[in-house]
Every structure is written in structure tokens, then in C-alpha cells.
Amino acid sequence: MDSTRRYYLVKEKNLDEFNLYVKITKGHNL
């Protein structure tokens, strides 16, 4: 169960970083 929780925590962290990257690239495009 702990490994599953850890997987979701890492997944959420990666999504946050990806969203931040998208915001930055969109900001440069605008």
C-alpha cells in the first residue's frame, strides 16, 4: 500500500511540474 501511495505522490508532483512548464511556455508564446 505504501508503494502505491508513493506512486501517486510522485505522479501528482510530476503533474504540478508539467503544468508549471506549460504555463511558462504559454507565457512565452503570448
N, C-alpha and C. Protein backbone atom coordinates (compact mmCIF):
# COMPACT_ATOMS: atom_id res chain seq x y z
N MET A 1 0.84 -1.20 0.00
CA MET A 1 0.00 0.00 0.00
C MET A 1 0.87 1.25 0.00
N ASP A 2 1.96 1.22 0.75
CA ASP A 2 2.84 2.39 0.81
C ASP A 2 3.42 2.72 -0.56
N SER A 3 3.79 1.66 -1.30
CA SER A 3 4.37 1.90 -2.64
C SER A 3 3.33 2.56 -3.54
N THR A 4 2.07 2.19 -3.39
CA THR A 4 1.01 2.78 -4.22
C THR A 4 0.85 4.25 -3.87
N ARG A 5 0.86 4.56 -2.58
CA ARG A 5 0.72 5.96 -2.15
C ARG A 5 1.88 6.78 -2.67
N ARG A 6 3.08 6.20 -2.58
CA ARG A 6 4.27 6.91 -3.06
C ARG A 6 4.16 7.18 -4.56
N TYR A 7 3.64 6.22 -5.30
CA TYR A 7 3.48 6.37 -6.75
C TYR A 7 2.57 7.55 -7.06
N TYR A 8 1.45 7.65 -6.33
CA TYR A 8 0.51 8.75 -6.59
C TYR A 8 1.12 10.09 -6.20
N LEU A 9 1.91 10.12 -5.11
CA LEU A 9 2.54 11.37 -4.69
C LEU A 9 3.51 11.84 -5.77
N VAL A 10 4.30 10.92 -6.31
CA VAL A 10 5.26 11.27 -7.36
C VAL A 10 4.50 11.70 -8.61
N LYS A 11 3.41 11.00 -8.92
CA LYS A 11 2.62 11.33 -10.11
C LYS A 11 2.06 12.75 -9.99
N GLU A 12 1.54 13.10 -8.82
CA GLU A 12 0.99 14.44 -8.61
C GLU A 12 2.09 15.49 -8.73
N LYS A 13 3.27 15.19 -8.17
CA LYS A 13 4.38 16.14 -8.23
C LYS A 13 4.78 16.37 -9.68
N ASN A 14 4.84 15.30 -10.47
CA ASN A 14 5.20 15.42 -11.88
C ASN A 14 4.15 16.24 -12.63
N LEU A 15 2.88 16.05 -12.30
CA LEU A 15 1.81 16.81 -12.96
C LEU A 15 1.94 18.29 -12.63
N ASP A 16 2.28 18.62 -11.37
CA ASP A 16 2.45 20.02 -10.99
C ASP A 16 3.59 20.64 -11.79
N GLU A 17 4.70 19.92 -11.91
CA GLU A 17 5.85 20.44 -12.65
C GLU A 17 5.50 20.60 -14.13
N PHE A 18 4.74 19.65 -14.67
CA PHE A 18 4.33 19.72 -16.07
C PHE A 18 3.41 20.92 -16.30
N ASN A 19 2.47 21.14 -15.38
CA ASN A 19 1.56 22.28 -15.51
C ASN A 19 2.34 23.58 -15.44
N LEU A 20 3.34 23.65 -14.57
CA LEU A 20 4.17 24.86 -14.45
C LEU A 20 4.92 25.08 -15.76
N TYR A 21 5.45 24.00 -16.35
CA TYR A 21 6.18 24.09 -17.62
C TYR A 21 5.26 24.60 -18.72
N VAL A 22 4.02 24.11 -18.75
CA VAL A 22 3.05 24.54 -19.77
C VAL A 22 2.74 26.03 -19.60
N LYS A 23 2.57 26.46 -18.35
CA LYS A 23 2.27 27.88 -18.09
C LYS A 23 3.41 28.75 -18.58
N ILE A 24 4.65 28.32 -18.33
CA ILE A 24 5.82 29.11 -18.75
C ILE A 24 5.89 29.18 -20.27
N THR A 25 5.70 28.04 -20.95
CA THR A 25 5.80 28.03 -22.41
C THR A 25 4.66 28.85 -23.02
N LYS A 26 3.46 28.75 -22.44
CA LYS A 26 2.34 29.54 -22.95
C LYS A 26 2.61 31.02 -22.74
N GLY A 27 3.23 31.37 -21.62
CA GLY A 27 3.56 32.77 -21.34
C GLY A 27 4.52 33.31 -22.38
N HIS A 28 5.50 32.50 -22.79
CA HIS A 28 6.46 32.93 -23.81
C HIS A 28 5.78 33.08 -25.16
N ASN A 29 4.84 32.18 -25.46
CA ASN A 29 4.14 32.24 -26.74
C ASN A 29 3.28 33.49 -26.82
N LEU A 30 2.69 33.90 -25.68
CA LEU A 30 1.86 35.11 -25.67
C LEU A 30 2.79 36.30 -25.62
